[in-house]
Amino acid sequence: GVGKLTIIDYDVVNESNLNRQFLHHEKDIGKLKVESAKEMLEELNSGIKINTIAEKLNSDNVRKMLHGADVVIDCVDNIETRLIVNRSCIELDIPLVEGGISGFYGFVLSIKKEYSCLECMGYENTKLKAPVPALGAVVGVIGALQAVECIKILLGLEGVLYGRMLNYDGLTATFET
């Protein structure tokens, strides 16, 4: 597996996270998400090295937090943070694997300096409708696809979703690029 991870999250586990954030359990409610995730991952692989950062990522600290990463996987739930990470990965020349969900739908794309990014696609103009509950099964599909993209990037394989977006429709069980 991947030998070293950095997990960044300032929040604590709450009950509403449990259906979609598979690294946390009921016993973790109230615990920092980075600590809960670290414990779970170390149970899966005792040889992994995990660095945790329990801070809110923002435009002032993002470069410091991402510096030295080989790949960034973004699993955030707000547009502002997505755009901050997108900009910083482009500036630092770090590949970014982006994923998002809304109900039964999700997307994955990989971003790199030479290819289109979230801002290039007009993502900052996205208007959020009323909040849609996160369906845990869809989160699992998108998370697994993000992991595959990350592994392809780390191994230097072809077929990475640079300049392309993979859309998933859980209602019709279809994918479209």
C-alpha atoms as a PDB file:
ATOM      1  CA  GLY A   1       0.000   0.000   0.000  1.00  0.00           C
ATOM      2  CA  VAL A   2       0.889   3.654   0.175  1.00  0.00           C
ATOM      3  CA  GLY A   3       3.464   4.010   2.930  1.00  0.00           C
ATOM      4  CA  LYS A   4       2.853   7.567   4.069  1.00  0.00           C
ATOM      5  CA  LEU A   5      -0.334   9.636   4.356  1.00  0.00           C
ATOM      6  CA  THR A   6      -1.174  13.074   5.639  1.00  0.00           C
ATOM      7  CA  ILE A   7      -4.761  13.549   6.763  1.00  0.00           C
ATOM      8  CA  ILE A   8      -6.052  17.108   7.126  1.00  0.00           C
ATOM      9  CA  ASP A   9      -9.348  17.827   8.904  1.00  0.00           C
ATOM     10  CA  TYR A  10     -10.265  20.118  11.773  1.00  0.00           C
ATOM     11  CA  ASP A  11     -13.683  18.606  12.546  1.00  0.00           C
ATOM     12  CA  VAL A  12     -14.856  15.977  15.024  1.00  0.00           C
ATOM     13  CA  VAL A  13     -16.809  12.827  14.242  1.00  0.00           C
ATOM     14  CA  ASN A  14     -20.546  13.131  14.664  1.00  0.00           C
ATOM     15  CA  GLU A  15     -23.337  10.642  14.100  1.00  0.00           C
ATOM     16  CA  SER A  16     -24.306  12.074  10.711  1.00  0.00           C
ATOM     17  CA  ASN A  17     -20.826  11.192   9.368  1.00  0.00           C
ATOM     18  CA  LEU A  18     -21.120   7.462   9.997  1.00  0.00           C
ATOM     19  CA  ASN A  19     -23.125   6.518   6.889  1.00  0.00           C
ATOM     20  CA  ARG A  20     -20.526   7.972   4.515  1.00  0.00           C
ATOM     21  CA  GLN A  21     -17.184   8.304   6.317  1.00  0.00           C
ATOM     22  CA  PHE A  22     -16.159   4.691   6.664  1.00  0.00           C
ATOM     23  CA  LEU A  23     -13.071   5.298   8.797  1.00  0.00           C
ATOM     24  CA  HIS A  24     -15.239   6.302  11.774  1.00  0.00           C
ATOM     25  CA  HIS A  25     -17.471   4.275  14.098  1.00  0.00           C
ATOM     26  CA  GLU A  26     -19.986   5.086  16.831  1.00  0.00           C
ATOM     27  CA  LYS A  27     -17.232   4.823  19.449  1.00  0.00           C
ATOM     28  CA  ASP A  28     -15.439   7.701  17.664  1.00  0.00           C
ATOM     29  CA  ILE A  29     -18.230  10.273  18.035  1.00  0.00           C
ATOM     30  CA  GLY A  30     -16.728  13.450  19.495  1.00  0.00           C
ATOM     31  CA  LYS A  31     -13.162  12.461  18.591  1.00  0.00           C
ATOM     32  CA  LEU A  32     -11.102  14.466  16.092  1.00  0.00           C
ATOM     33  CA  LYS A  33     -11.623  12.961  12.627  1.00  0.00           C
ATOM     34  CA  VAL A  34      -7.883  12.893  11.956  1.00  0.00           C
ATOM     35  CA  GLU A  35      -7.280  10.813  15.093  1.00  0.00           C
ATOM     36  CA  SER A  36     -10.152   8.419  14.399  1.00  0.00           C
ATOM     37  CA  ALA A  37      -9.005   7.957  10.787  1.00  0.00           C
ATOM     38  CA  LYS A  38      -5.408   7.413  11.876  1.00  0.00           C
ATOM     39  CA  GLU A  39      -6.411   4.732  14.402  1.00  0.00           C
ATOM     40  CA  MET A  40      -8.517   2.870  11.842  1.00  0.00           C
ATOM     41  CA  LEU A  41      -5.858   2.986   9.124  1.00  0.00           C
ATOM     42  CA  GLU A  42      -3.143   1.836  11.534  1.00  0.00           C
ATOM     43  CA  GLU A  43      -5.341  -1.147  12.443  1.00  0.00           C
ATOM     44  CA  LEU A  44      -5.466  -2.024   8.726  1.00  0.00           C
ATOM     45  CA  ASN A  45      -1.736  -1.517   8.150  1.00  0.00           C
ATOM     46  CA  SER A  46       0.629  -1.241  11.117  1.00  0.00           C
ATOM     47  CA  GLY A  47       3.486  -0.237   8.800  1.00  0.00           C
ATOM     48  CA  ILE A  48       1.840   2.937   7.513  1.00  0.00           C
ATOM     49  CA  LYS A  49       3.143   6.332   8.573  1.00  0.00           C
ATOM     50  CA  ILE A  50       0.357   8.842   9.126  1.00  0.00           C
ATOM     51  CA  ASN A  51       0.777  12.541   9.727  1.00  0.00           C
ATOM     52  CA  THR A  52      -2.341  14.289  11.024  1.00  0.00           C
ATOM     53  CA  ILE A  53      -3.138  17.978  10.792  1.00  0.00           C
ATOM     54  CA  ALA A  54      -6.153  19.027  12.869  1.00  0.00           C
ATOM     55  CA  GLU A  55      -6.484  22.509  11.393  1.00  0.00           C
ATOM     56  CA  LYS A  56      -8.956  24.112   9.054  1.00  0.00           C
ATOM     57  CA  LEU A  57      -7.326  24.397   5.656  1.00  0.00           C
ATOM     58  CA  ASN A  58      -7.467  27.927   4.238  1.00  0.00           C
ATOM     59  CA  SER A  59      -5.684  30.139   1.725  1.00  0.00           C
ATOM     60  CA  ASP A  60      -3.112  31.178   4.363  1.00  0.00           C
ATOM     61  CA  ASN A  61      -1.957  27.690   5.398  1.00  0.00           C
ATOM     62  CA  VAL A  62      -2.724  25.462   2.398  1.00  0.00           C
ATOM     63  CA  ARG A  63       0.695  25.703   0.728  1.00  0.00           C
ATOM     64  CA  LYS A  64       2.436  24.690   3.967  1.00  0.00           C
ATOM     65  CA  MET A  65       0.024  21.784   4.482  1.00  0.00           C
ATOM     66  CA  LEU A  66       0.326  20.414   0.926  1.00  0.00           C
ATOM     67  CA  HIS A  67       4.052  21.055   0.420  1.00  0.00           C
ATOM     68  CA  GLY A  68       5.929  17.878  -0.451  1.00  0.00           C
ATOM     69  CA  ALA A  69       2.875  15.767  -1.292  1.00  0.00           C
ATOM     70  CA  ASP A  70       3.119  13.412  -4.264  1.00  0.00           C
ATOM     71  CA  VAL A  71      -0.666  13.487  -4.832  1.00  0.00           C
ATOM     72  CA  VAL A  72      -3.569  15.235  -3.105  1.00  0.00           C
ATOM     73  CA  ILE A  73      -6.972  13.580  -2.819  1.00  0.00           C
ATOM     74  CA  ASP A  74      -9.692  16.116  -2.098  1.00  0.00           C
ATOM     75  CA  CYS A  75     -12.741  14.874  -0.205  1.00  0.00           C
ATOM     76  CA  VAL A  76     -14.222  18.158   0.966  1.00  0.00           C
ATOM     77  CA  ASP A  77     -17.830  19.246   0.986  1.00  0.00           C
ATOM     78  CA  ASN A  78     -17.603  22.916   0.050  1.00  0.00           C
ATOM     79  CA  ILE A  79     -16.743  24.909  -3.056  1.00  0.00           C
ATOM     80  CA  GLU A  80     -14.418  27.425  -1.378  1.00  0.00           C
ATOM     81  CA  THR A  81     -12.066  24.761  -0.009  1.00  0.00           C
ATOM     82  CA  ARG A  82     -12.098  22.836  -3.304  1.00  0.00           C
ATOM     83  CA  LEU A  83     -10.972  25.961  -5.138  1.00  0.00           C
ATOM     84  CA  ILE A  84      -8.248  26.749  -2.580  1.00  0.00           C
ATOM     85  CA  VAL A  85      -6.848  23.211  -2.897  1.00  0.00           C
ATOM     86  CA  ASN A  86      -7.176  23.317  -6.701  1.00  0.00           C
ATOM     87  CA  ARG A  87      -5.226  26.608  -6.947  1.00  0.00           C
ATOM     88  CA  SER A  88      -2.513  25.437  -4.576  1.00  0.00           C
ATOM     89  CA  CYS A  89      -2.009  22.094  -6.299  1.00  0.00           C
ATOM     90  CA  ILE A  90      -1.608  23.897  -9.638  1.00  0.00           C
ATOM     91  CA  GLU A  91       0.884  26.371  -8.099  1.00  0.00           C
ATOM     92  CA  LEU A  92       2.840  23.601  -6.323  1.00  0.00           C
ATOM     93  CA  ASP A  93       2.630  21.289  -9.376  1.00  0.00           C
ATOM     94  CA  ILE A  94       1.036  18.485  -7.344  1.00  0.00           C
ATOM     95  CA  PRO A  95      -1.524  16.218  -9.039  1.00  0.00           C
ATOM     96  CA  LEU A  96      -4.994  16.533  -7.476  1.00  0.00           C
ATOM     97  CA  VAL A  97      -7.667  13.848  -7.500  1.00  0.00           C
ATOM     98  CA  GLU A  98     -11.004  15.574  -7.051  1.00  0.00           C
ATOM     99  CA  GLY A  99     -14.276  13.851  -6.245  1.00  0.00           C
ATOM    100  CA  GLY A 100     -17.721  14.966  -5.241  1.00  0.00           C
ATOM    101  CA  ILE A 101     -21.203  13.604  -4.695  1.00  0.00           C
ATOM    102  CA  SER A 102     -24.780  14.793  -4.588  1.00  0.00           C
ATOM    103  CA  GLY A 103     -27.382  12.205  -3.672  1.00  0.00           C
ATOM    104  CA  PHE A 104     -27.159   9.347  -6.184  1.00  0.00           C
ATOM    105  CA  TYR A 105     -24.640  11.190  -8.387  1.00  0.00           C
ATOM    106  CA  GLY A 106     -20.904  11.694  -8.227  1.00  0.00           C
ATOM    107  CA  PHE A 107     -17.850  12.706 -10.202  1.00  0.00           C
ATOM    108  CA  VAL A 108     -14.102  12.138 -10.260  1.00  0.00           C
ATOM    109  CA  LEU A 109     -11.409  13.987 -12.177  1.00  0.00           C
ATOM    110  CA  SER A 110      -7.671  14.381 -11.902  1.00  0.00           C
ATOM    111  CA  ILE A 111      -6.069  17.780 -12.194  1.00  0.00           C
ATOM    112  CA  LYS A 112      -2.540  18.638 -13.174  1.00  0.00           C
ATOM    113  CA  LYS A 113      -0.821  21.856 -14.209  1.00  0.00           C
ATOM    114  CA  GLU A 114      -0.989  21.124 -17.964  1.00  0.00           C
ATOM    115  CA  TYR A 115      -4.696  20.211 -17.954  1.00  0.00           C
ATOM    116  CA  SER A 116      -7.995  21.865 -17.146  1.00  0.00           C
ATOM    117  CA  CYS A 117      -8.703  22.561 -13.502  1.00  0.00           C
ATOM    118  CA  LEU A 118     -11.802  23.424 -11.485  1.00  0.00           C
ATOM    119  CA  GLU A 119     -11.494  27.126 -12.211  1.00  0.00           C
ATOM    120  CA  CYS A 120     -10.886  26.438 -15.916  1.00  0.00           C
ATOM    121  CA  MET A 121     -14.235  24.616 -15.925  1.00  0.00           C
ATOM    122  CA  GLY A 122     -16.041  27.489 -14.165  1.00  0.00           C
ATOM    123  CA  TYR A 123     -16.505  25.539 -10.930  1.00  0.00           C
ATOM    124  CA  GLU A 124     -16.450  28.767  -8.911  1.00  0.00           C
ATOM    125  CA  ASN A 125     -19.782  29.662 -10.554  1.00  0.00           C
ATOM    126  CA  THR A 126     -21.459  26.553  -9.165  1.00  0.00           C
ATOM    127  CA  LYS A 127     -24.649  27.363  -7.328  1.00  0.00           C
ATOM    128  CA  LEU A 128     -25.580  24.967  -4.568  1.00  0.00           C
ATOM    129  CA  LYS A 129     -29.211  24.035  -4.267  1.00  0.00           C
ATOM    130  CA  ALA A 130     -30.679  22.890  -0.990  1.00  0.00           C
ATOM    131  CA  PRO A 131     -28.376  20.404   0.754  1.00  0.00           C
ATOM    132  CA  VAL A 132     -28.765  16.832  -0.527  1.00  0.00           C
ATOM    133  CA  PRO A 133     -28.058  13.976   1.873  1.00  0.00           C
ATOM    134  CA  ALA A 134     -24.864  12.078   1.119  1.00  0.00           C
ATOM    135  CA  LEU A 135     -25.674   8.486   0.192  1.00  0.00           C
ATOM    136  CA  GLY A 136     -22.940   6.347   1.750  1.00  0.00           C
ATOM    137  CA  ALA A 137     -22.877   3.834  -1.103  1.00  0.00           C
ATOM    138  CA  VAL A 138     -22.256   6.616  -3.655  1.00  0.00           C
ATOM    139  CA  VAL A 139     -19.523   8.075  -1.450  1.00  0.00           C
ATOM    140  CA  GLY A 140     -17.937   4.604  -1.426  1.00  0.00           C
ATOM    141  CA  VAL A 141     -18.019   4.352  -5.231  1.00  0.00           C
ATOM    142  CA  ILE A 142     -16.489   7.807  -5.712  1.00  0.00           C
ATOM    143  CA  GLY A 143     -13.901   7.247  -2.962  1.00  0.00           C
ATOM    144  CA  ALA A 144     -12.823   3.947  -4.532  1.00  0.00           C
ATOM    145  CA  LEU A 145     -12.476   5.649  -7.930  1.00  0.00           C
ATOM    146  CA  GLN A 146     -10.380   8.410  -6.362  1.00  0.00           C
ATOM    147  CA  ALA A 147      -8.110   5.763  -4.812  1.00  0.00           C
ATOM    148  CA  VAL A 148      -7.652   4.101  -8.217  1.00  0.00           C
ATOM    149  CA  GLU A 149      -6.749   7.469  -9.772  1.00  0.00           C
ATOM    150  CA  CYS A 150      -4.214   8.107  -7.001  1.00  0.00           C
ATOM    151  CA  ILE A 151      -2.573   4.713  -7.493  1.00  0.00           C
ATOM    152  CA  LYS A 152      -2.350   5.255 -11.267  1.00  0.00           C
ATOM    153  CA  ILE A 153      -0.644   8.609 -10.670  1.00  0.00           C
ATOM    154  CA  LEU A 154       1.798   7.202  -8.092  1.00  0.00           C
ATOM    155  CA  LEU A 155       2.708   4.322 -10.398  1.00  0.00           C
ATOM    156  CA  GLY A 156       3.078   6.568 -13.446  1.00  0.00           C
ATOM    157  CA  LEU A 157       0.429   4.649 -15.384  1.00  0.00           C
ATOM    158  CA  GLU A 158      -1.554   5.884 -18.352  1.00  0.00           C
ATOM    159  CA  GLY A 159      -5.278   6.530 -18.425  1.00  0.00           C
ATOM    160  CA  VAL A 160      -5.393   9.055 -15.578  1.00  0.00           C
ATOM    161  CA  LEU A 161      -8.481  11.284 -15.784  1.00  0.00           C
ATOM    162  CA  TYR A 162      -6.501  14.417 -16.660  1.00  0.00           C
ATOM    163  CA  GLY A 163      -8.662  16.765 -18.694  1.00  0.00           C
ATOM    164  CA  ARG A 164     -11.663  14.459 -18.309  1.00  0.00           C
ATOM    165  CA  MET A 165     -14.414  14.027 -15.734  1.00  0.00           C
ATOM    166  CA  LEU A 166     -15.962  10.671 -14.906  1.00  0.00           C
ATOM    167  CA  ASN A 167     -19.610  11.072 -13.890  1.00  0.00           C
ATOM    168  CA  TYR A 168     -21.494   8.379 -11.990  1.00  0.00           C
ATOM    169  CA  ASP A 169     -25.282   8.026 -11.946  1.00  0.00           C
ATOM    170  CA  GLY A 170     -26.279   5.648  -9.180  1.00  0.00           C
ATOM    171  CA  LEU A 171     -29.931   5.660 -10.235  1.00  0.00           C
ATOM    172  CA  THR A 172     -29.203   4.237 -13.681  1.00  0.00           C
ATOM    173  CA  ALA A 173     -25.959   2.487 -12.682  1.00  0.00           C
ATOM    174  CA  THR A 174     -24.065   4.246 -15.479  1.00  0.00           C
ATOM    175  CA  PHE A 175     -20.778   6.038 -15.939  1.00  0.00           C
ATOM    176  CA  GLU A 176     -20.061   8.749 -18.476  1.00  0.00           C
ATOM    177  CA  THR A 177     -16.758  10.479 -19.248  1.00  0.00           C
END
